[in-house]
Amino acid sequence: MKIIFASDIHGSAHWVKELLDVFHHENADKLVLLGDLLYHGPRNDFPDDYSPKKVFTMLNEIKDKILCVRGNCDSEVDQMVLEFPILADYALLSAKGKTLFLTHGHLFDEQNPPLLQKGDILFNGHFHTPCCKEMENGAIYANCGSVALPKPDTPHSYILLDNDILYWKDLETGGIFDCYTL
């Protein structure tokens, strides 16, 4: 099964189109969205082609393939236009006997992790900086970065899970810049 993990679209129709193009090109089975879908938040500038209406229309077209958790910029009013659930603070998946803990990052993160076992993986967005590292308890911290508003010197990015390997990929070039084997 191929899964794409992405976060922090922040209402950018341009970048959600790029993400959906990659989703189809990779022939992924699921798109896991780690929050902050429609709004840019008060600290962020407007992203490229800021259009929350276009974003929810494009995402609703693949609603059956999306698993989503709530980000700090997501709200109940967003759920009124999105045709897939977005209001859970976290979700759990299992792969190769490991727990994949999916959350945005404003409640659980590397500094405040949930209870995980060695080898389990905590997936985040929120900080807009992609990374992969082992935490003190032996669990893995995997941040997919941001689709629309990456921090300086980081790419517009996502994670692809394919054949038990996590690949951190640049959304613009398709290049792999990090990987981790489950």
N, C-alpha and C. Protein backbone atom coordinates (compact mmCIF):
# COMPACT_ATOMS: atom_id res chain seq x y z
N MET A 1 0.84 -1.18 0.00
CA MET A 1 0.00 0.00 0.00
C MET A 1 0.88 1.25 0.00
N LYS A 2 0.55 2.19 -0.86
CA LYS A 2 1.25 3.47 -0.91
C LYS A 2 0.41 4.54 -0.22
N ILE A 3 1.06 5.27 0.70
CA ILE A 3 0.38 6.34 1.43
C ILE A 3 1.22 7.60 1.31
N ILE A 4 0.56 8.72 1.04
CA ILE A 4 1.21 10.03 1.07
C ILE A 4 0.76 10.75 2.32
N PHE A 5 1.72 11.30 3.06
CA PHE A 5 1.48 12.09 4.26
C PHE A 5 1.83 13.54 3.93
N ALA A 6 0.90 14.45 4.18
CA ALA A 6 1.13 15.86 3.87
C ALA A 6 0.44 16.73 4.91
N SER A 7 0.91 17.96 5.03
CA SER A 7 0.36 18.87 6.03
C SER A 7 0.46 20.30 5.55
N ASP A 8 -0.31 21.14 6.21
CA ASP A 8 -0.17 22.59 6.07
C ASP A 8 -0.34 23.09 4.64
N ILE A 9 -1.51 22.79 4.09
CA ILE A 9 -1.90 23.29 2.77
C ILE A 9 -2.27 24.77 2.87
N HIS A 10 -2.87 25.17 3.97
CA HIS A 10 -3.21 26.57 4.27
C HIS A 10 -3.94 27.29 3.14
N GLY A 11 -4.87 26.60 2.50
CA GLY A 11 -5.73 27.24 1.52
C GLY A 11 -5.12 27.49 0.16
N SER A 12 -3.97 26.91 -0.12
CA SER A 12 -3.29 27.15 -1.40
C SER A 12 -3.80 26.20 -2.48
N ALA A 13 -4.58 26.72 -3.41
CA ALA A 13 -5.07 25.90 -4.52
C ALA A 13 -3.92 25.45 -5.41
N HIS A 14 -2.92 26.30 -5.57
CA HIS A 14 -1.76 25.91 -6.39
C HIS A 14 -1.08 24.68 -5.81
N TRP A 15 -0.77 24.70 -4.51
CA TRP A 15 -0.01 23.61 -3.91
C TRP A 15 -0.85 22.36 -3.69
N VAL A 16 -2.17 22.50 -3.47
CA VAL A 16 -2.99 21.29 -3.36
C VAL A 16 -3.10 20.63 -4.74
N LYS A 17 -3.13 21.41 -5.80
CA LYS A 17 -3.14 20.82 -7.14
C LYS A 17 -1.85 20.05 -7.37
N GLU A 18 -0.72 20.63 -6.99
CA GLU A 18 0.57 19.93 -7.12
C GLU A 18 0.56 18.63 -6.31
N LEU A 19 0.04 18.69 -5.08
CA LEU A 19 -0.03 17.51 -4.22
C LEU A 19 -0.92 16.43 -4.84
N LEU A 20 -2.06 16.82 -5.37
CA LEU A 20 -2.96 15.84 -5.97
C LEU A 20 -2.37 15.26 -7.26
N ASP A 21 -1.63 16.06 -8.01
CA ASP A 21 -0.92 15.53 -9.19
C ASP A 21 0.07 14.44 -8.76
N VAL A 22 0.81 14.69 -7.69
CA VAL A 22 1.76 13.71 -7.17
C VAL A 22 1.02 12.48 -6.65
N PHE A 23 -0.08 12.69 -5.95
CA PHE A 23 -0.88 11.58 -5.43
C PHE A 23 -1.29 10.64 -6.57
N HIS A 24 -1.77 11.20 -7.66
CA HIS A 24 -2.18 10.38 -8.81
C HIS A 24 -0.97 9.78 -9.52
N HIS A 25 0.09 10.56 -9.69
CA HIS A 25 1.30 10.06 -10.38
C HIS A 25 1.94 8.90 -9.60
N GLU A 26 1.96 9.00 -8.28
CA GLU A 26 2.54 7.94 -7.43
C GLU A 26 1.60 6.74 -7.35
N ASN A 27 0.37 6.89 -7.82
CA ASN A 27 -0.64 5.84 -7.72
C ASN A 27 -0.84 5.43 -6.26
N ALA A 28 -0.94 6.43 -5.38
CA ALA A 28 -1.09 6.19 -3.95
C ALA A 28 -2.50 5.71 -3.63
N ASP A 29 -2.60 4.93 -2.58
CA ASP A 29 -3.89 4.41 -2.13
C ASP A 29 -4.60 5.36 -1.18
N LYS A 30 -3.83 6.05 -0.34
CA LYS A 30 -4.38 6.95 0.67
C LYS A 30 -3.59 8.25 0.71
N LEU A 31 -4.31 9.32 1.05
CA LEU A 31 -3.69 10.62 1.32
C LEU A 31 -4.00 10.95 2.77
N VAL A 32 -2.96 10.99 3.60
CA VAL A 32 -3.12 11.34 5.00
C VAL A 32 -2.78 12.82 5.13
N LEU A 33 -3.76 13.60 5.57
CA LEU A 33 -3.57 15.04 5.75
C LEU A 33 -3.47 15.34 7.24
N LEU A 34 -2.37 15.96 7.62
CA LEU A 34 -2.08 16.21 9.03
C LEU A 34 -2.45 17.63 9.45
N GLY A 35 -3.55 18.14 8.92
CA GLY A 35 -4.13 19.39 9.40
C GLY A 35 -3.73 20.65 8.67
N ASP A 36 -4.41 21.73 9.04
CA ASP A 36 -4.27 23.07 8.48
C ASP A 36 -4.51 23.06 6.98
N LEU A 37 -5.76 22.76 6.62
CA LEU A 37 -6.13 22.60 5.22
C LEU A 37 -6.53 23.90 4.54
N LEU A 38 -7.44 24.66 5.13
CA LEU A 38 -8.09 25.74 4.39
C LEU A 38 -7.60 27.15 4.72
N TYR A 39 -7.14 27.41 5.91
CA TYR A 39 -6.81 28.78 6.30
C TYR A 39 -5.33 28.95 6.58
N HIS A 40 -4.86 30.17 6.37
CA HIS A 40 -3.42 30.45 6.45
C HIS A 40 -2.96 30.82 7.86
N GLY A 41 -3.86 31.18 8.75
CA GLY A 41 -3.49 31.56 10.11
C GLY A 41 -2.96 32.99 10.17
N PRO A 42 -3.05 33.63 11.32
CA PRO A 42 -2.69 35.04 11.43
C PRO A 42 -1.20 35.33 11.32
N ARG A 43 -0.35 34.34 11.54
CA ARG A 43 1.10 34.59 11.48
C ARG A 43 1.68 34.33 10.09
N ASN A 44 0.91 33.73 9.20
CA ASN A 44 1.41 33.38 7.87
C ASN A 44 0.95 34.38 6.83
N ASP A 45 1.79 34.58 5.82
CA ASP A 45 1.37 35.33 4.65
C ASP A 45 0.43 34.46 3.84
N PHE A 46 -0.30 35.07 2.91
CA PHE A 46 -1.14 34.29 2.02
C PHE A 46 -0.25 33.38 1.17
N PRO A 47 -0.59 32.10 1.07
CA PRO A 47 0.19 31.21 0.18
C PRO A 47 -0.20 31.44 -1.28
N ASP A 48 0.56 30.82 -2.19
CA ASP A 48 0.28 30.91 -3.63
C ASP A 48 -1.15 30.49 -3.92
N ASP A 49 -1.84 31.31 -4.73
CA ASP A 49 -3.22 31.03 -5.16
C ASP A 49 -4.10 30.66 -3.97
N TYR A 50 -4.13 31.55 -2.97
CA TYR A 50 -4.95 31.33 -1.77
C TYR A 50 -6.43 31.29 -2.16
N SER A 51 -7.04 30.12 -2.04
CA SER A 51 -8.44 29.95 -2.40
C SER A 51 -9.01 28.74 -1.67
N PRO A 52 -9.43 28.91 -0.41
CA PRO A 52 -9.98 27.79 0.34
C PRO A 52 -11.13 27.08 -0.38
N LYS A 53 -11.95 27.81 -1.14
CA LYS A 53 -13.06 27.17 -1.86
C LYS A 53 -12.54 26.20 -2.91
N LYS A 54 -11.51 26.58 -3.65
CA LYS A 54 -10.92 25.67 -4.63
C LYS A 54 -10.31 24.46 -3.93
N VAL A 55 -9.65 24.70 -2.79
CA VAL A 55 -8.99 23.61 -2.06
C VAL A 55 -10.02 22.58 -1.61
N PHE A 56 -11.10 23.02 -0.97
CA PHE A 56 -12.05 22.00 -0.49
C PHE A 56 -12.75 21.30 -1.65
N THR A 57 -12.94 21.99 -2.75
CA THR A 57 -13.54 21.33 -3.92
C THR A 57 -12.62 20.24 -4.45
N MET A 58 -11.32 20.53 -4.58
CA MET A 58 -10.37 19.54 -5.08
C MET A 58 -10.23 18.36 -4.12
N LEU A 59 -10.16 18.64 -2.82
CA LEU A 59 -10.00 17.55 -1.84
C LEU A 59 -11.27 16.68 -1.78
N ASN A 60 -12.43 17.30 -1.87
CA ASN A 60 -13.68 16.53 -1.83
C ASN A 60 -13.78 15.54 -2.99
N GLU A 61 -13.10 15.83 -4.09
CA GLU A 61 -13.13 14.92 -5.24
C GLU A 61 -12.49 13.57 -4.94
N ILE A 62 -11.59 13.52 -3.94
CA ILE A 62 -10.96 12.24 -3.56
C ILE A 62 -11.26 11.89 -2.10
N LYS A 63 -12.39 12.33 -1.61
CA LYS A 63 -12.76 12.18 -0.19
C LYS A 63 -12.63 10.74 0.32
N ASP A 64 -12.87 9.75 -0.51
CA ASP A 64 -12.81 8.36 -0.08
C ASP A 64 -11.37 7.87 0.11
N LYS A 65 -10.41 8.63 -0.31
CA LYS A 65 -9.01 8.23 -0.19
C LYS A 65 -8.27 9.04 0.87
N ILE A 66 -8.98 9.94 1.59
CA ILE A 66 -8.35 10.84 2.55
C ILE A 66 -8.60 10.38 3.98
N LEU A 67 -7.54 10.43 4.77
CA LEU A 67 -7.60 10.31 6.23
C LEU A 67 -7.01 11.61 6.76
N CYS A 68 -7.74 12.30 7.63
CA CYS A 68 -7.31 13.63 8.05
C CYS A 68 -7.43 13.80 9.55
N VAL A 69 -6.51 14.56 10.14
CA VAL A 69 -6.60 14.98 11.53
C VAL A 69 -6.64 16.50 11.56
N ARG A 70 -7.11 17.03 12.67
CA ARG A 70 -7.32 18.47 12.84
C ARG A 70 -6.00 19.19 13.13
N GLY A 71 -5.81 20.30 12.46
CA GLY A 71 -4.70 21.19 12.76
C GLY A 71 -5.18 22.36 13.59
N ASN A 72 -4.26 23.18 14.06
CA ASN A 72 -4.64 24.32 14.89
C ASN A 72 -5.38 25.40 14.11
N CYS A 73 -5.34 25.39 12.79
CA CYS A 73 -6.09 26.35 11.98
C CYS A 73 -7.40 25.77 11.45
N ASP A 74 -7.72 24.53 11.76
CA ASP A 74 -8.95 23.89 11.29
C ASP A 74 -10.04 24.06 12.34
N SER A 75 -11.29 24.16 11.88
CA SER A 75 -12.39 24.39 12.82
C SER A 75 -13.66 23.66 12.37
N GLU A 76 -14.69 23.76 13.20
CA GLU A 76 -15.97 23.12 12.90
C GLU A 76 -16.57 23.66 11.61
N VAL A 77 -16.38 24.93 11.33
CA VAL A 77 -16.95 25.50 10.11
C VAL A 77 -16.30 24.88 8.87
N ASP A 78 -15.04 24.47 8.97
CA ASP A 78 -14.37 23.80 7.86
C ASP A 78 -15.04 22.46 7.56
N GLN A 79 -15.47 21.78 8.62
CA GLN A 79 -16.11 20.48 8.45
C GLN A 79 -17.41 20.60 7.67
N MET A 80 -18.01 21.78 7.69
CA MET A 80 -19.27 21.99 6.97
C MET A 80 -19.08 21.91 5.45
N VAL A 81 -17.87 22.18 4.95
CA VAL A 81 -17.63 22.16 3.50
C VAL A 81 -16.79 20.97 3.06
N LEU A 82 -16.12 20.33 3.97
CA LEU A 82 -15.30 19.16 3.64
C LEU A 82 -16.13 17.90 3.80
N GLU A 83 -16.05 17.00 2.85
CA GLU A 83 -16.88 15.79 2.84
C GLU A 83 -16.16 14.57 3.40
N PHE A 84 -15.16 14.80 4.24
CA PHE A 84 -14.45 13.75 4.96
C PHE A 84 -14.16 14.31 6.35
N PRO A 85 -14.05 13.46 7.38
CA PRO A 85 -13.86 13.96 8.74
C PRO A 85 -12.49 14.61 8.94
N ILE A 86 -12.50 15.74 9.67
CA ILE A 86 -11.23 16.45 9.92
C ILE A 86 -11.02 16.83 11.38
N LEU A 87 -11.94 16.54 12.27
CA LEU A 87 -11.90 17.13 13.60
C LEU A 87 -11.26 16.27 14.68
N ALA A 88 -10.75 15.09 14.37
CA ALA A 88 -10.06 14.27 15.38
C ALA A 88 -8.66 14.83 15.59
N ASP A 89 -8.20 14.84 16.83
CA ASP A 89 -6.87 15.36 17.14
C ASP A 89 -5.75 14.40 16.71
N TYR A 90 -6.08 13.12 16.58
CA TYR A 90 -5.09 12.15 16.13
C TYR A 90 -5.79 10.94 15.54
N ALA A 91 -5.03 10.16 14.82
CA ALA A 91 -5.51 8.88 14.28
C ALA A 91 -4.35 7.89 14.38
N LEU A 92 -4.68 6.61 14.37
CA LEU A 92 -3.66 5.56 14.45
C LEU A 92 -3.76 4.66 13.23
N LEU A 93 -2.61 4.31 12.68
CA LEU A 93 -2.50 3.30 11.64
C LEU A 93 -1.48 2.28 12.11
N SER A 94 -1.49 1.12 11.50
CA SER A 94 -0.51 0.10 11.81
C SER A 94 0.19 -0.32 10.53
N ALA A 95 1.51 -0.46 10.62
CA ALA A 95 2.30 -0.92 9.47
C ALA A 95 3.50 -1.70 9.98
N LYS A 96 3.67 -2.92 9.46
CA LYS A 96 4.82 -3.76 9.85
C LYS A 96 4.92 -3.92 11.37
N GLY A 97 3.79 -4.02 12.06
CA GLY A 97 3.78 -4.21 13.51
C GLY A 97 4.10 -2.95 14.30
N LYS A 98 4.17 -1.81 13.63
CA LYS A 98 4.46 -0.54 14.30
C LYS A 98 3.21 0.32 14.30
N THR A 99 3.07 1.12 15.34
CA THR A 99 1.98 2.08 15.40
C THR A 99 2.43 3.38 14.74
N LEU A 100 1.60 3.89 13.83
CA LEU A 100 1.82 5.19 13.22
C LEU A 100 0.82 6.14 13.88
N PHE A 101 1.33 7.06 14.67
CA PHE A 101 0.50 8.03 15.39
C PHE A 101 0.46 9.30 14.54
N LEU A 102 -0.71 9.63 14.03
CA LEU A 102 -0.89 10.75 13.10
C LEU A 102 -1.53 11.92 13.83
N THR A 103 -0.86 13.06 13.84
CA THR A 103 -1.38 14.24 14.51
C THR A 103 -0.79 15.48 13.85
N HIS A 104 -1.36 16.62 14.12
CA HIS A 104 -0.87 17.85 13.47
C HIS A 104 0.47 18.29 14.06
N GLY A 105 0.56 18.33 15.37
CA GLY A 105 1.80 18.76 16.01
C GLY A 105 1.61 19.86 17.03
N HIS A 106 0.42 20.42 17.11
CA HIS A 106 0.20 21.48 18.09
C HIS A 106 -0.17 20.92 19.47
N LEU A 107 -0.57 19.65 19.53
CA LEU A 107 -0.87 18.99 20.81
C LEU A 107 0.19 17.96 21.18
N PHE A 108 0.57 17.12 20.21
CA PHE A 108 1.61 16.12 20.41
C PHE A 108 2.72 16.41 19.42
N ASP A 109 3.95 16.37 19.90
CA ASP A 109 5.11 16.59 19.04
C ASP A 109 6.33 15.93 19.66
N GLU A 110 7.48 16.22 19.12
CA GLU A 110 8.72 15.62 19.61
C GLU A 110 8.96 15.96 21.09
N GLN A 111 8.60 17.17 21.51
CA GLN A 111 8.80 17.59 22.90
C GLN A 111 7.69 17.08 23.84
N ASN A 112 6.52 16.80 23.29
CA ASN A 112 5.38 16.30 24.05
C ASN A 112 4.78 15.10 23.31
N PRO A 113 5.52 13.98 23.28
CA PRO A 113 5.05 12.84 22.49
C PRO A 113 3.96 12.04 23.20
N PRO A 114 3.13 11.35 22.42
CA PRO A 114 2.19 10.40 23.02
C PRO A 114 2.98 9.18 23.49
N LEU A 115 2.32 8.28 24.20
CA LEU A 115 2.99 7.05 24.64
C LEU A 115 3.17 6.14 23.43
N LEU A 116 4.40 5.96 23.03
CA LEU A 116 4.74 5.11 21.91
C LEU A 116 5.83 4.15 22.32
N GLN A 117 5.93 3.05 21.59
CA GLN A 117 6.98 2.06 21.83
C GLN A 117 8.14 2.29 20.88
N LYS A 118 9.27 1.67 21.18
CA LYS A 118 10.43 1.74 20.29
C LYS A 118 10.02 1.29 18.89
N GLY A 119 10.38 2.06 17.89
CA GLY A 119 10.07 1.74 16.51
C GLY A 119 8.75 2.31 16.00
N ASP A 120 7.84 2.71 16.92
CA ASP A 120 6.61 3.37 16.49
C ASP A 120 6.97 4.73 15.89
N ILE A 121 6.05 5.32 15.14
CA ILE A 121 6.36 6.56 14.44
C ILE A 121 5.31 7.62 14.75
N LEU A 122 5.77 8.79 15.16
CA LEU A 122 4.94 9.95 15.39
C LEU A 122 5.03 10.84 14.15
N PHE A 123 3.91 10.97 13.41
CA PHE A 123 3.85 11.83 12.22
C PHE A 123 3.27 13.18 12.60
N ASN A 124 3.92 14.25 12.17
CA ASN A 124 3.51 15.64 12.42
C ASN A 124 3.62 16.46 11.15
N GLY A 125 3.01 17.61 11.22
CA GLY A 125 3.25 18.73 10.32
C GLY A 125 3.55 19.90 11.23
N HIS A 126 2.71 20.95 11.18
CA HIS A 126 2.67 22.09 12.09
C HIS A 126 3.91 22.98 12.08
N PHE A 127 5.10 22.41 12.15
CA PHE A 127 6.31 23.22 12.26
C PHE A 127 6.86 23.65 10.90
N HIS A 128 6.30 23.09 9.82
CA HIS A 128 6.65 23.45 8.44
C HIS A 128 8.10 23.15 8.10
N THR A 129 8.71 22.22 8.84
CA THR A 129 10.10 21.83 8.61
C THR A 129 10.19 20.30 8.59
N PRO A 130 10.51 19.72 7.45
CA PRO A 130 10.60 18.25 7.39
C PRO A 130 11.79 17.71 8.17
N CYS A 131 11.58 16.58 8.84
CA CYS A 131 12.70 15.93 9.52
C CYS A 131 12.33 14.50 9.90
N CYS A 132 13.35 13.73 10.21
CA CYS A 132 13.18 12.37 10.69
C CYS A 132 14.28 12.12 11.71
N LYS A 133 13.89 11.75 12.93
CA LYS A 133 14.90 11.44 13.94
C LYS A 133 14.32 10.54 15.02
N GLU A 134 15.22 9.86 15.69
CA GLU A 134 14.81 8.98 16.78
C GLU A 134 14.64 9.80 18.04
N MET A 135 13.55 9.53 18.77
CA MET A 135 13.30 10.21 20.04
C MET A 135 13.94 9.40 21.17
N GLU A 136 13.95 9.95 22.38
CA GLU A 136 14.59 9.32 23.53
C GLU A 136 14.08 7.91 23.81
N ASN A 137 12.78 7.65 23.60
CA ASN A 137 12.22 6.34 23.90
C ASN A 137 12.38 5.34 22.76
N GLY A 138 13.08 5.74 21.69
CA GLY A 138 13.30 4.85 20.56
C GLY A 138 12.24 4.93 19.48
N ALA A 139 11.18 5.71 19.72
CA ALA A 139 10.18 5.97 18.68
C ALA A 139 10.78 6.94 17.67
N ILE A 140 10.20 7.00 16.50
CA ILE A 140 10.68 7.86 15.42
C ILE A 140 9.77 9.07 15.29
N TYR A 141 10.37 10.24 15.15
CA TYR A 141 9.64 11.47 14.89
C TYR A 141 9.77 11.78 13.41
N ALA A 142 8.63 11.86 12.70
CA ALA A 142 8.62 12.09 11.26
C ALA A 142 7.75 13.29 10.95
N ASN A 143 8.37 14.40 10.59
CA ASN A 143 7.64 15.59 10.22
C ASN A 143 7.69 15.72 8.70
N CYS A 144 6.52 15.85 8.08
CA CYS A 144 6.46 15.91 6.61
C CYS A 144 6.71 17.31 6.07
N GLY A 145 6.86 18.30 6.94
CA GLY A 145 7.06 19.67 6.47
C GLY A 145 5.73 20.27 6.05
N SER A 146 5.79 21.24 5.15
CA SER A 146 4.59 21.94 4.70
C SER A 146 4.44 21.87 3.19
N VAL A 147 3.22 21.62 2.75
CA VAL A 147 2.91 21.63 1.32
C VAL A 147 3.03 23.06 0.78
N ALA A 148 2.44 24.04 1.48
CA ALA A 148 2.30 25.39 0.91
C ALA A 148 3.23 26.45 1.50
N LEU A 149 3.58 26.32 2.78
CA LEU A 149 4.34 27.38 3.45
C LEU A 149 5.56 26.82 4.17
N PRO A 150 6.52 26.26 3.45
CA PRO A 150 7.69 25.71 4.14
C PRO A 150 8.54 26.81 4.78
N LYS A 151 9.24 26.44 5.84
CA LYS A 151 10.18 27.38 6.47
C LYS A 151 11.33 27.64 5.49
N PRO A 152 12.03 28.76 5.69
CA PRO A 152 13.17 29.06 4.80
C PRO A 152 14.16 27.90 4.73
N ASP A 153 14.71 27.69 3.56
CA ASP A 153 15.70 26.64 3.29
C ASP A 153 15.15 25.23 3.40
N THR A 154 13.82 25.08 3.36
CA THR A 154 13.21 23.75 3.29
C THR A 154 12.26 23.73 2.09
N PRO A 155 12.09 22.56 1.48
CA PRO A 155 11.23 22.49 0.29
C PRO A 155 9.75 22.35 0.63
N HIS A 156 8.90 22.61 -0.33
CA HIS A 156 7.50 22.21 -0.26
C HIS A 156 7.57 20.69 -0.26
N SER A 157 7.04 20.03 0.77
CA SER A 157 7.37 18.61 0.93
C SER A 157 6.21 17.76 1.41
N TYR A 158 6.43 16.45 1.29
CA TYR A 158 5.50 15.42 1.75
C TYR A 158 6.31 14.16 2.01
N ILE A 159 5.66 13.17 2.61
CA ILE A 159 6.27 11.86 2.84
C ILE A 159 5.49 10.83 2.04
N LEU A 160 6.20 9.93 1.39
CA LEU A 160 5.60 8.79 0.70
C LEU A 160 6.01 7.52 1.43
N LEU A 161 5.02 6.71 1.84
CA LEU A 161 5.28 5.37 2.38
C LEU A 161 5.07 4.39 1.24
N ASP A 162 6.14 3.71 0.84
CA ASP A 162 6.09 2.77 -0.28
C ASP A 162 7.00 1.59 0.04
N ASN A 163 6.43 0.39 0.02
CA ASN A 163 7.22 -0.83 0.29
C ASN A 163 8.02 -0.74 1.58
N ASP A 164 7.37 -0.30 2.65
CA ASP A 164 7.96 -0.24 3.99
C ASP A 164 9.09 0.78 4.12
N ILE A 165 9.18 1.72 3.20
CA ILE A 165 10.16 2.80 3.30
C ILE A 165 9.44 4.13 3.25
N LEU A 166 9.81 5.03 4.18
CA LEU A 166 9.32 6.40 4.16
C LEU A 166 10.30 7.24 3.37
N TYR A 167 9.79 7.95 2.37
CA TYR A 167 10.61 8.85 1.56
C TYR A 167 10.13 10.28 1.78
N TRP A 168 11.02 11.18 2.16
CA TRP A 168 10.70 12.60 2.23
C TRP A 168 11.00 13.15 0.84
N LYS A 169 9.97 13.77 0.23
CA LYS A 169 10.11 14.20 -1.16
C LYS A 169 9.80 15.69 -1.33
N ASP A 170 10.51 16.29 -2.25
CA ASP A 170 10.31 17.67 -2.64
C ASP A 170 9.12 17.72 -3.60
N LEU A 171 8.10 18.48 -3.26
CA LEU A 171 6.89 18.54 -4.07
C LEU A 171 7.14 19.17 -5.44
N GLU A 172 8.10 20.07 -5.53
CA GLU A 172 8.39 20.72 -6.80
C GLU A 172 9.21 19.85 -7.74
N THR A 173 10.22 19.18 -7.21
CA THR A 173 11.14 18.43 -8.09
C THR A 173 10.90 16.93 -8.08
N GLY A 174 10.20 16.42 -7.06
CA GLY A 174 10.03 14.98 -6.92
C GLY A 174 11.24 14.29 -6.32
N GLY A 175 12.28 15.09 -6.02
CA GLY A 175 13.50 14.53 -5.45
C GLY A 175 13.33 14.02 -4.05
N ILE A 176 14.04 12.96 -3.73
CA ILE A 176 14.04 12.39 -2.37
C ILE A 176 15.16 13.04 -1.58
N PHE A 177 14.86 13.55 -0.39
CA PHE A 177 15.92 14.16 0.41
C PHE A 177 16.12 13.49 1.76
N ASP A 178 15.33 12.47 2.08
CA ASP A 178 15.55 11.67 3.29
C ASP A 178 14.73 10.40 3.15
N CYS A 179 15.10 9.36 3.92
CA CYS A 179 14.30 8.14 3.92
C CYS A 179 14.52 7.39 5.22
N TYR A 180 13.56 6.51 5.53
CA TYR A 180 13.60 5.70 6.74
C TYR A 180 12.90 4.38 6.44
N THR A 181 13.53 3.25 6.79
CA THR A 181 12.95 1.94 6.59
C THR A 181 12.21 1.49 7.85
N LEU A 182 10.95 1.08 7.67
CA LEU A 182 10.15 0.60 8.81
C LEU A 182 10.73 -0.68 9.38
